[in-house]
PDB file of N, CA and C in Angstrom:
ATOM      1  N   MET A   1      -5.980  20.128 -18.403  1.00  0.00           N
ATOM      2  CA  MET A   1      -6.351  20.129 -17.010  1.00  0.00           C
ATOM      3  C   MET A   1      -7.835  19.806 -16.895  1.00  0.00           C
ATOM      4  N   GLN A   2      -8.168  18.848 -16.004  1.00  0.00           N
ATOM      5  CA  GLN A   2      -9.540  18.432 -15.815  1.00  0.00           C
ATOM      6  C   GLN A   2     -10.165  19.224 -14.677  1.00  0.00           C
ATOM      7  N   VAL A   3     -11.348  19.768 -14.923  1.00  0.00           N
ATOM      8  CA  VAL A   3     -12.070  20.495 -13.891  1.00  0.00           C
ATOM      9  C   VAL A   3     -13.067  19.536 -13.260  1.00  0.00           C
ATOM     10  N   VAL A   4     -13.026  19.419 -11.934  1.00  0.00           N
ATOM     11  CA  VAL A   4     -13.903  18.507 -11.220  1.00  0.00           C
ATOM     12  C   VAL A   4     -14.834  19.309 -10.325  1.00  0.00           C
ATOM     13  N   SER A   5     -16.108  19.007 -10.431  1.00  0.00           N
ATOM     14  CA  SER A   5     -17.098  19.659  -9.576  1.00  0.00           C
ATOM     15  C   SER A   5     -16.850  19.285  -8.122  1.00  0.00           C
ATOM     16  N   MET A   6     -16.886  20.252  -7.237  1.00  0.00           N
ATOM     17  CA  MET A   6     -16.652  19.994  -5.817  1.00  0.00           C
ATOM     18  C   MET A   6     -17.986  19.829  -5.088  1.00  0.00           C
ATOM     19  N   ARG A   7     -18.809  18.879  -5.533  1.00  0.00           N
ATOM     20  CA  ARG A   7     -20.072  18.627  -4.863  1.00  0.00           C
ATOM     21  C   ARG A   7     -19.816  17.934  -3.533  1.00  0.00           C
ATOM     22  N   LYS A   8     -20.829  17.891  -2.709  1.00  0.00           N
ATOM     23  CA  LYS A   8     -20.693  17.246  -1.406  1.00  0.00           C
ATOM     24  C   LYS A   8     -20.418  15.765  -1.597  1.00  0.00           C
ATOM     25  N   SER A   9     -19.632  15.220  -0.678  1.00  0.00           N
ATOM     26  CA  SER A   9     -19.250  13.819  -0.758  1.00  0.00           C
ATOM     27  C   SER A   9     -19.100  13.253   0.645  1.00  0.00           C
ATOM     28  N   ILE A  10     -19.377  11.955   0.785  1.00  0.00           N
ATOM     29  CA  ILE A  10     -19.165  11.304   2.076  1.00  0.00           C
ATOM     30  C   ILE A  10     -17.690  11.004   2.311  1.00  0.00           C
ATOM     31  N   ILE A  11     -16.867  11.180   1.294  1.00  0.00           N
ATOM     32  CA  ILE A  11     -15.422  10.981   1.454  1.00  0.00           C
ATOM     33  C   ILE A  11     -14.868  12.150   2.269  1.00  0.00           C
ATOM     34  N   PRO A  12     -14.149  11.871   3.354  1.00  0.00           N
ATOM     35  CA  PRO A  12     -13.588  12.968   4.157  1.00  0.00           C
ATOM     36  C   PRO A  12     -12.732  13.922   3.318  1.00  0.00           C
ATOM     37  N   LYS A  13     -12.893  15.205   3.556  1.00  0.00           N
ATOM     38  CA  LYS A  13     -12.139  16.217   2.810  1.00  0.00           C
ATOM     39  C   LYS A  13     -10.642  16.087   3.019  1.00  0.00           C
ATOM     40  N   SER A  14     -10.236  15.560   4.167  1.00  0.00           N
ATOM     41  CA  SER A  14      -8.805  15.432   4.468  1.00  0.00           C
ATOM     42  C   SER A  14      -8.123  14.315   3.672  1.00  0.00           C
ATOM     43  N   TRP A  15      -8.900  13.442   3.037  1.00  0.00           N
ATOM     44  CA  TRP A  15      -8.319  12.375   2.228  1.00  0.00           C
ATOM     45  C   TRP A  15      -7.956  12.934   0.859  1.00  0.00           C
ATOM     46  N   ASN A  16      -6.767  12.669   0.407  1.00  0.00           N
ATOM     47  CA  ASN A  16      -6.303  13.152  -0.892  1.00  0.00           C
ATOM     48  C   ASN A  16      -6.680  12.161  -1.999  1.00  0.00           C
ATOM     49  N   VAL A  17      -7.961  11.854  -2.065  1.00  0.00           N
ATOM     50  CA  VAL A  17      -8.490  10.915  -3.049  1.00  0.00           C
ATOM     51  C   VAL A  17      -8.439  11.559  -4.428  1.00  0.00           C
ATOM     52  N   SER A  18      -8.146  10.755  -5.444  1.00  0.00           N
ATOM     53  CA  SER A  18      -8.083  11.304  -6.800  1.00  0.00           C
ATOM     54  C   SER A  18      -9.428  11.943  -7.159  1.00  0.00           C
ATOM     55  N   PRO A  19      -9.393  13.028  -7.908  1.00  0.00           N
ATOM     56  CA  PRO A  19     -10.627  13.729  -8.277  1.00  0.00           C
ATOM     57  C   PRO A  19     -11.628  12.838  -9.007  1.00  0.00           C
ATOM     58  N   THR A  20     -11.142  11.898  -9.818  1.00  0.00           N
ATOM     59  CA  THR A  20     -12.075  11.037 -10.550  1.00  0.00           C
ATOM     60  C   THR A  20     -12.837  10.106  -9.615  1.00  0.00           C
ATOM     61  N   ILE A  21     -12.192   9.651  -8.539  1.00  0.00           N
ATOM     62  CA  ILE A  21     -12.909   8.829  -7.557  1.00  0.00           C
ATOM     63  C   ILE A  21     -13.880   9.698  -6.769  1.00  0.00           C
ATOM     64  N   ARG A  22     -13.421  10.835  -6.300  1.00  0.00           N
ATOM     65  CA  ARG A  22     -14.283  11.723  -5.501  1.00  0.00           C
ATOM     66  C   ARG A  22     -15.532  12.113  -6.291  1.00  0.00           C
ATOM     67  N   GLN A  23     -15.375  12.326  -7.571  1.00  0.00           N
ATOM     68  CA  GLN A  23     -16.485  12.733  -8.425  1.00  0.00           C
ATOM     69  C   GLN A  23     -17.555  11.638  -8.519  1.00  0.00           C
ATOM     70  N   ARG A  24     -17.156  10.382  -8.339  1.00  0.00           N
ATOM     71  CA  ARG A  24     -18.084   9.257  -8.485  1.00  0.00           C
ATOM     72  C   ARG A  24     -18.864   8.934  -7.213  1.00  0.00           C
ATOM     73  N   VAL A  25     -18.580   9.639  -6.126  1.00  0.00           N
ATOM     74  CA  VAL A  25     -19.213   9.333  -4.842  1.00  0.00           C
ATOM     75  C   VAL A  25     -20.007  10.548  -4.366  1.00  0.00           C
ATOM     76  N   GLY A  26     -21.258  10.313  -3.999  1.00  0.00           N
ATOM     77  CA  GLY A  26     -22.126  11.404  -3.555  1.00  0.00           C
ATOM     78  C   GLY A  26     -22.124  11.593  -2.048  1.00  0.00           C
ATOM     79  N   GLU A  27     -23.220  12.151  -1.534  1.00  0.00           N
ATOM     80  CA  GLU A  27     -23.310  12.472  -0.111  1.00  0.00           C
ATOM     81  C   GLU A  27     -23.948  11.372   0.723  1.00  0.00           C
ATOM     82  N   GLU A  28     -24.387  10.284   0.102  1.00  0.00           N
ATOM     83  CA  GLU A  28     -25.004   9.182   0.831  1.00  0.00           C
ATOM     84  C   GLU A  28     -24.271   7.886   0.529  1.00  0.00           C
ATOM     85  N   ALA A  29     -24.526   6.882   1.366  1.00  0.00           N
ATOM     86  CA  ALA A  29     -23.827   5.603   1.221  1.00  0.00           C
ATOM     87  C   ALA A  29     -24.075   4.960  -0.140  1.00  0.00           C
ATOM     88  N   GLY A  30     -25.306   4.957  -0.602  1.00  0.00           N
ATOM     89  CA  GLY A  30     -25.602   4.320  -1.879  1.00  0.00           C
ATOM     90  C   GLY A  30     -25.274   2.834  -1.859  1.00  0.00           C
ATOM     91  N   ARG A  31     -24.978   2.296  -3.033  1.00  0.00           N
ATOM     92  CA  ARG A  31     -24.651   0.872  -3.133  1.00  0.00           C
ATOM     93  C   ARG A  31     -23.277   0.590  -2.562  1.00  0.00           C
ATOM     94  N   GLN A  32     -23.120  -0.632  -2.046  1.00  0.00           N
ATOM     95  CA  GLN A  32     -21.793  -1.073  -1.623  1.00  0.00           C
ATOM     96  C   GLN A  32     -21.004  -1.353  -2.899  1.00  0.00           C
ATOM     97  N   ARG A  33     -19.766  -0.888  -2.919  1.00  0.00           N
ATOM     98  CA  ARG A  33     -18.985  -1.059  -4.145  1.00  0.00           C
ATOM     99  C   ARG A  33     -17.510  -0.822  -3.896  1.00  0.00           C
ATOM    100  N   LEU A  34     -16.726  -1.158  -4.902  1.00  0.00           N
ATOM    101  CA  LEU A  34     -15.286  -0.945  -4.887  1.00  0.00           C
ATOM    102  C   LEU A  34     -14.944  -0.123  -6.124  1.00  0.00           C
ATOM    103  N   ILE A  35     -14.184   0.933  -5.935  1.00  0.00           N
ATOM    104  CA  ILE A  35     -13.770   1.792  -7.044  1.00  0.00           C
ATOM    105  C   ILE A  35     -12.247   1.795  -7.086  1.00  0.00           C
ATOM    106  N   THR A  36     -11.687   1.527  -8.255  1.00  0.00           N
ATOM    107  CA  THR A  36     -10.233   1.600  -8.420  1.00  0.00           C
ATOM    108  C   THR A  36      -9.917   2.620  -9.501  1.00  0.00           C
ATOM    109  N   GLU A  37      -8.871   3.376  -9.272  1.00  0.00           N
ATOM    110  CA  GLU A  37      -8.466   4.424 -10.215  1.00  0.00           C
ATOM    111  C   GLU A  37      -7.052   4.857  -9.876  1.00  0.00           C
ATOM    112  N   ASP A  38      -6.192   4.918 -10.847  1.00  0.00           N
ATOM    113  CA  ASP A  38      -4.833   5.442 -10.667  1.00  0.00           C
ATOM    114  C   ASP A  38      -4.081   4.805  -9.500  1.00  0.00           C
ATOM    115  N   GLY A  39      -4.259   3.491  -9.301  1.00  0.00           N
ATOM    116  CA  GLY A  39      -3.567   2.792  -8.222  1.00  0.00           C
ATOM    117  C   GLY A  39      -4.225   2.909  -6.863  1.00  0.00           C
ATOM    118  N   GLU A  40      -5.297   3.678  -6.765  1.00  0.00           N
ATOM    119  CA  GLU A  40      -6.031   3.841  -5.515  1.00  0.00           C
ATOM    120  C   GLU A  40      -7.204   2.863  -5.480  1.00  0.00           C
ATOM    121  N   ILE A  41      -7.640   2.541  -4.272  1.00  0.00           N
ATOM    122  CA  ILE A  41      -8.817   1.699  -4.081  1.00  0.00           C
ATOM    123  C   ILE A  41      -9.713   2.382  -3.052  1.00  0.00           C
ATOM    124  N   LEU A  42     -10.979   2.516  -3.378  1.00  0.00           N
ATOM    125  CA  LEU A  42     -11.962   3.014  -2.421  1.00  0.00           C
ATOM    126  C   LEU A  42     -13.034   1.944  -2.272  1.00  0.00           C
ATOM    127  N   VAL A  43     -13.197   1.447  -1.050  1.00  0.00           N
ATOM    128  CA  VAL A  43     -14.209   0.438  -0.747  1.00  0.00           C
ATOM    129  C   VAL A  43     -15.323   1.132   0.024  1.00  0.00           C
ATOM    130  N   LEU A  44     -16.528   1.101  -0.531  1.00  0.00           N
ATOM    131  CA  LEU A  44     -17.690   1.703   0.118  1.00  0.00           C
ATOM    132  C   LEU A  44     -18.599   0.576   0.585  1.00  0.00           C
ATOM    133  N   LEU A  45     -18.734   0.446   1.887  1.00  0.00           N
ATOM    134  CA  LEU A  45     -19.575  -0.583   2.484  1.00  0.00           C
ATOM    135  C   LEU A  45     -20.592   0.072   3.405  1.00  0.00           C
ATOM    136  N   HIS A  46     -21.449  -0.746   3.985  1.00  0.00           N
ATOM    137  CA  HIS A  46     -22.403  -0.273   4.982  1.00  0.00           C
ATOM    138  C   HIS A  46     -22.028  -0.869   6.323  1.00  0.00           C
ATOM    139  N   THR A  47     -22.218  -0.104   7.383  1.00  0.00           N
ATOM    140  CA  THR A  47     -22.065  -0.681   8.715  1.00  0.00           C
ATOM    141  C   THR A  47     -23.186  -1.698   8.900  1.00  0.00           C
ATOM    142  N   VAL A  48     -23.048  -2.574   9.886  1.00  0.00           N
ATOM    143  CA  VAL A  48     -24.063  -3.600  10.127  1.00  0.00           C
ATOM    144  C   VAL A  48     -25.382  -2.911  10.482  1.00  0.00           C
ATOM    145  N   PRO A  49     -26.434  -3.171   9.700  1.00  0.00           N
ATOM    146  CA  PRO A  49     -27.709  -2.494   9.958  1.00  0.00           C
ATOM    147  C   PRO A  49     -28.408  -3.034  11.202  1.00  0.00           C
ATOM    148  N   THR A  50     -29.227  -2.187  11.786  1.00  0.00           N
ATOM    149  CA  THR A  50     -30.062  -2.575  12.922  1.00  0.00           C
ATOM    150  C   THR A  50     -31.518  -2.311  12.550  1.00  0.00           C
ATOM    151  N   ALA A  51     -32.435  -2.821  13.347  1.00  0.00           N
ATOM    152  CA  ALA A  51     -33.861  -2.605  13.087  1.00  0.00           C
ATOM    153  C   ALA A  51     -34.212  -1.118  13.137  1.00  0.00           C
ATOM    154  N   GLN A  52     -33.495  -0.365  13.948  1.00  0.00           N
ATOM    155  CA  GLN A  52     -33.773   1.066  14.090  1.00  0.00           C
ATOM    156  C   GLN A  52     -33.378   1.867  12.843  1.00  0.00           C
ATOM    157  N   ASP A  53     -32.549   1.300  11.987  1.00  0.00           N
ATOM    158  CA  ASP A  53     -32.101   2.017  10.787  1.00  0.00           C
ATOM    159  C   ASP A  53     -33.226   2.239   9.786  1.00  0.00           C
ATOM    160  N   LYS A  54     -34.236   1.384   9.810  1.00  0.00           N
ATOM    161  CA  LYS A  54     -35.408   1.505   8.930  1.00  0.00           C
ATOM    162  C   LYS A  54     -35.027   1.771   7.476  1.00  0.00           C
ATOM    163  N   GLY A  55     -34.125   0.967   6.940  1.00  0.00           N
ATOM    164  CA  GLY A  55     -33.741   1.075   5.541  1.00  0.00           C
ATOM    165  C   GLY A  55     -32.617   2.053   5.257  1.00  0.00           C
ATOM    166  N   ARG A  56     -32.266   2.877   6.205  1.00  0.00           N
ATOM    167  CA  ARG A  56     -31.171   3.835   6.008  1.00  0.00           C
ATOM    168  C   ARG A  56     -29.851   3.131   6.278  1.00  0.00           C
ATOM    169  N   ARG A  57     -28.891   3.313   5.414  1.00  0.00           N
ATOM    170  CA  ARG A  57     -27.599   2.659   5.556  1.00  0.00           C
ATOM    171  C   ARG A  57     -26.517   3.674   5.894  1.00  0.00           C
ATOM    172  N   GLU A  58     -25.700   3.321   6.874  1.00  0.00           N
ATOM    173  CA  GLU A  58     -24.569   4.158   7.285  1.00  0.00           C
ATOM    174  C   GLU A  58     -23.329   3.700   6.523  1.00  0.00           C
ATOM    175  N   ALA A  59     -22.622   4.631   5.924  1.00  0.00           N
ATOM    176  CA  ALA A  59     -21.446   4.293   5.116  1.00  0.00           C
ATOM    177  C   ALA A  59     -20.234   3.966   5.982  1.00  0.00           C
ATOM    178  N   ALA A  60     -19.456   3.023   5.499  1.00  0.00           N
ATOM    179  CA  ALA A  60     -18.135   2.721   6.058  1.00  0.00           C
ATOM    180  C   ALA A  60     -17.181   2.761   4.867  1.00  0.00           C
ATOM    181  N   LEU A  61     -16.210   3.664   4.907  1.00  0.00           N
ATOM    182  CA  LEU A  61     -15.303   3.877   3.778  1.00  0.00           C
ATOM    183  C   LEU A  61     -13.899   3.403   4.115  1.00  0.00           C
ATOM    184  N   PHE A  62     -13.254   2.801   3.127  1.00  0.00           N
ATOM    185  CA  PHE A  62     -11.879   2.329   3.278  1.00  0.00           C
ATOM    186  C   PHE A  62     -11.130   2.742   2.019  1.00  0.00           C
ATOM    187  N   TRP A  63     -10.061   3.523   2.201  1.00  0.00           N
ATOM    188  CA  TRP A  63      -9.311   4.049   1.058  1.00  0.00           C
ATOM    189  C   TRP A  63      -7.856   3.619   1.145  1.00  0.00           C
ATOM    190  N   TYR A  64      -7.380   3.028   0.055  1.00  0.00           N
ATOM    191  CA  TYR A  64      -5.964   2.689  -0.108  1.00  0.00           C
ATOM    192  C   TYR A  64      -5.387   3.714  -1.070  1.00  0.00           C
ATOM    193  N   ASP A  65      -4.352   4.421  -0.657  1.00  0.00           N
ATOM    194  CA  ASP A  65      -3.838   5.544  -1.448  1.00  0.00           C
ATOM    195  C   ASP A  65      -2.867   5.156  -2.557  1.00  0.00           C
ATOM    196  N   GLY A  66      -2.598   3.861  -2.710  1.00  0.00           N
ATOM    197  CA  GLY A  66      -1.680   3.424  -3.760  1.00  0.00           C
ATOM    198  C   GLY A  66      -0.223   3.433  -3.331  1.00  0.00           C
ATOM    199  N   GLN A  67       0.047   3.904  -2.113  1.00  0.00           N
ATOM    200  CA  GLN A  67       1.422   3.971  -1.608  1.00  0.00           C
ATOM    201  C   GLN A  67       1.580   3.190  -0.306  1.00  0.00           C
ATOM    202  N   GLY A  68       0.661   2.250  -0.065  1.00  0.00           N
ATOM    203  CA  GLY A  68       0.757   1.400   1.112  1.00  0.00           C
ATOM    204  C   GLY A  68      -0.022   1.865   2.318  1.00  0.00           C
ATOM    205  N   ASN A  69      -0.748   2.965   2.204  1.00  0.00           N
ATOM    206  CA  ASN A  69      -1.476   3.528   3.347  1.00  0.00           C
ATOM    207  C   ASN A  69      -2.981   3.318   3.197  1.00  0.00           C
ATOM    208  N   TRP A  70      -3.615   2.916   4.296  1.00  0.00           N
ATOM    209  CA  TRP A  70      -5.064   2.751   4.344  1.00  0.00           C
ATOM    210  C   TRP A  70      -5.655   3.767   5.310  1.00  0.00           C
ATOM    211  N   LYS A  71      -6.823   4.293   4.958  1.00  0.00           N
ATOM    212  CA  LYS A  71      -7.590   5.158   5.856  1.00  0.00           C
ATOM    213  C   LYS A  71      -9.012   4.637   5.879  1.00  0.00           C
ATOM    214  N   SER A  72      -9.716   4.930   6.964  1.00  0.00           N
ATOM    215  CA  SER A  72     -11.105   4.501   7.061  1.00  0.00           C
ATOM    216  C   SER A  72     -11.945   5.581   7.731  1.00  0.00           C
ATOM    217  N   SER A  73     -13.232   5.506   7.467  1.00  0.00           N
ATOM    218  CA  SER A  73     -14.188   6.428   8.062  1.00  0.00           C
ATOM    219  C   SER A  73     -15.508   5.670   8.219  1.00  0.00           C
ATOM    220  N   PRO A  74     -16.221   5.759   9.300  1.00  0.00           N
ATOM    221  CA  PRO A  74     -16.115   6.770  10.333  1.00  0.00           C
ATOM    222  C   PRO A  74     -15.085   6.454  11.409  1.00  0.00           C
ATOM    223  N   TYR A  75     -14.552   5.249  11.434  1.00  0.00           N
ATOM    224  CA  TYR A  75     -13.554   4.902  12.449  1.00  0.00           C
ATOM    225  C   TYR A  75     -12.173   4.923  11.824  1.00  0.00           C
ATOM    226  N   SER A  76     -11.175   5.322  12.582  1.00  0.00           N
ATOM    227  CA  SER A  76      -9.841   5.551  12.018  1.00  0.00           C
ATOM    228  C   SER A  76      -8.881   4.390  12.245  1.00  0.00           C
ATOM    229  N   GLY A  77      -9.275   3.192  11.845  1.00  0.00           N
ATOM    230  CA  GLY A  77      -8.392   2.048  12.012  1.00  0.00           C
ATOM    231  C   GLY A  77      -7.763   1.580  10.720  1.00  0.00           C
ATOM    232  N   GLY A  78      -8.123   2.235   9.609  1.00  0.00           N
ATOM    233  CA  GLY A  78      -7.569   1.826   8.326  1.00  0.00           C
ATOM    234  C   GLY A  78      -7.969   0.407   7.966  1.00  0.00           C
ATOM    235  N   ARG A  79      -6.993  -0.361   7.488  1.00  0.00           N
ATOM    236  CA  ARG A  79      -7.263  -1.725   7.031  1.00  0.00           C
ATOM    237  C   ARG A  79      -7.773  -2.614   8.164  1.00  0.00           C
ATOM    238  N   SER A  80      -7.283  -2.418   9.374  1.00  0.00           N
ATOM    239  CA  SER A  80      -7.758  -3.236  10.500  1.00  0.00           C
ATOM    240  C   SER A  80      -9.238  -2.968  10.789  1.00  0.00           C
ATOM    241  N   GLU A  81      -9.702  -1.774  10.492  1.00  0.00           N
ATOM    242  CA  GLU A  81     -11.118  -1.453  10.685  1.00  0.00           C
ATOM    243  C   GLU A  81     -11.991  -2.213   9.684  1.00  0.00           C
ATOM    244  N   LEU A  82     -11.454  -2.471   8.500  1.00  0.00           N
ATOM    245  CA  LEU A  82     -12.166  -3.287   7.512  1.00  0.00           C
ATOM    246  C   LEU A  82     -12.373  -4.691   8.072  1.00  0.00           C
ATOM    247  N   ARG A  83     -11.338  -5.254   8.678  1.00  0.00           N
ATOM    248  CA  ARG A  83     -11.448  -6.581   9.302  1.00  0.00           C
ATOM    249  C   ARG A  83     -12.481  -6.548  10.431  1.00  0.00           C
ATOM    250  N   THR A  84     -12.489  -5.487  11.216  1.00  0.00           N
ATOM    251  CA  THR A  84     -13.458  -5.346  12.303  1.00  0.00           C
ATOM    252  C   THR A  84     -14.886  -5.338  11.764  1.00  0.00           C
ATOM    253  N   LEU A  85     -15.105  -4.641  10.648  1.00  0.00           N
ATOM    254  CA  LEU A  85     -16.439  -4.592  10.053  1.00  0.00           C
ATOM    255  C   LEU A  85     -16.864  -5.977   9.571  1.00  0.00           C
ATOM    256  N   VAL A  86     -15.967  -6.688   8.900  1.00  0.00           N
ATOM    257  CA  VAL A  86     -16.278  -8.044   8.433  1.00  0.00           C
ATOM    258  C   VAL A  86     -16.614  -8.941   9.629  1.00  0.00           C
ATOM    259  N   ASN A  87     -15.846  -8.841  10.703  1.00  0.00           N
ATOM    260  CA  ASN A  87     -16.122  -9.626  11.907  1.00  0.00           C
ATOM    261  C   ASN A  87     -17.480  -9.270  12.508  1.00  0.00           C
ATOM    262  N   SER A  88     -17.859  -7.998  12.445  1.00  0.00           N
ATOM    263  CA  SER A  88     -19.162  -7.565  12.955  1.00  0.00           C
ATOM    264  C   SER A  88     -20.295  -8.206  12.160  1.00  0.00           C
ATOM    265  N   TYR A  89     -20.122  -8.284  10.836  1.00  0.00           N
ATOM    266  CA  TYR A  89     -21.119  -8.953   9.998  1.00  0.00           C
ATOM    267  C   TYR A  89     -21.196 -10.437  10.335  1.00  0.00           C
ATOM    268  N   GLN A  90     -20.055 -11.086  10.518  1.00  0.00           N
ATOM    269  CA  GLN A  90     -20.050 -12.509  10.866  1.00  0.00           C
ATOM    270  C   GLN A  90     -20.760 -12.747  12.192  1.00  0.00           C
ATOM    271  N   LYS A  91     -20.492 -11.902  13.167  1.00  0.00           N
ATOM    272  CA  LYS A  91     -21.127 -12.033  14.481  1.00  0.00           C
ATOM    273  C   LYS A  91     -22.638 -11.866  14.369  1.00  0.00           C
ATOM    274  N   ARG A  92     -23.067 -10.846  13.639  1.00  0.00           N
ATOM    275  CA  ARG A  92     -24.506 -10.586  13.491  1.00  0.00           C
ATOM    276  C   ARG A  92     -25.194 -11.728  12.761  1.00  0.00           C
ATOM    277  N   LEU A  93     -24.562 -12.283  11.730  1.00  0.00           N
ATOM    278  CA  LEU A  93     -25.136 -13.424  11.018  1.00  0.00           C
ATOM    279  C   LEU A  93     -25.278 -14.623  11.949  1.00  0.00           C
ATOM    280  N   GLY A  94     -24.286 -14.849  12.799  1.00  0.00           N
ATOM    281  CA  GLY A  94     -24.366 -15.929  13.781  1.00  0.00           C
ATOM    282  C   GLY A  94     -25.531 -15.735  14.733  1.00  0.00           C
ATOM    283  N   GLU A  95     -25.739 -14.494  15.174  1.00  0.00           N
ATOM    284  CA  GLU A  95     -26.857 -14.189  16.069  1.00  0.00           C
ATOM    285  C   GLU A  95     -28.198 -14.439  15.384  1.00  0.00           C
ATOM    286  N   LEU A  96     -28.304 -14.026  14.125  1.00  0.00           N
ATOM    287  CA  LEU A  96     -29.550 -14.237  13.384  1.00  0.00           C
ATOM    288  C   LEU A  96     -29.802 -15.721  13.156  1.00  0.00           C
ATOM    289  N   ASP A  97     -28.760 -16.470  12.796  1.00  0.00           N
ATOM    290  CA  ASP A  97     -28.897 -17.923  12.619  1.00  0.00           C
ATOM    291  C   ASP A  97     -29.368 -18.580  13.908  1.00  0.00           C
ATOM    292  N   ALA A  98     -28.771 -18.195  15.029  1.00  0.00           N
ATOM    293  CA  ALA A  98     -29.142 -18.772  16.321  1.00  0.00           C
ATOM    294  C   ALA A  98     -30.595 -18.463  16.667  1.00  0.00           C
ATOM    295  N   SER A  99     -31.040 -17.247  16.365  1.00  0.00           N
ATOM    296  CA  SER A  99     -32.426 -16.887  16.679  1.00  0.00           C
ATOM    297  C   SER A  99     -33.407 -17.657  15.796  1.00  0.00           C
ATOM    298  N   LEU A 100     -33.033 -17.944  14.556  1.00  0.00           N
ATOM    299  CA  LEU A 100     -33.895 -18.734  13.673  1.00  0.00           C
ATOM    300  C   LEU A 100     -33.965 -20.185  14.127  1.00  0.00           C
ATOM    301  N   GLU A 101     -32.850 -20.719  14.580  1.00  0.00           N
ATOM    302  CA  GLU A 101     -32.821 -22.105  15.047  1.00  0.00           C
ATOM    303  C   GLU A 101     -33.608 -22.272  16.339  1.00  0.00           C
ATOM    304  N   ALA A 102     -33.732 -21.217  17.119  1.00  0.00           N
ATOM    305  CA  ALA A 102     -34.459 -21.282  18.385  1.00  0.00           C
ATOM    306  C   ALA A 102     -35.972 -21.301  18.183  1.00  0.00           C
ATOM    307  N   VAL A 103     -36.427 -20.971  16.989  1.00  0.00           N
ATOM    308  CA  VAL A 103     -37.872 -20.897  16.711  1.00  0.00           C
ATOM    309  C   VAL A 103     -38.438 -22.259  16.442  1.00  0.00           C
TER     310      VAL A 103
END
């Protein structure tokens, strides 16, 4: 039996994430990354940053439980929320490109 430290984590407590994945994630967003373990996938991304963030990154988590179910945090759209985040990045990049071209 493996004993896992129950340190604070940005992963919601209600998610039944494998202990080995939970152990690898701390209380802050950290680097964007993908973790796979025991058929599960945890995608750790950042929400689209704003100037007011001043270097602080807000985490966006997407967890696939290995049985066909997706969950997300901070918004509860699961896999569709991942698409929404990608679209938000595309929109913001378009805005930045347009502002550079206007100069």
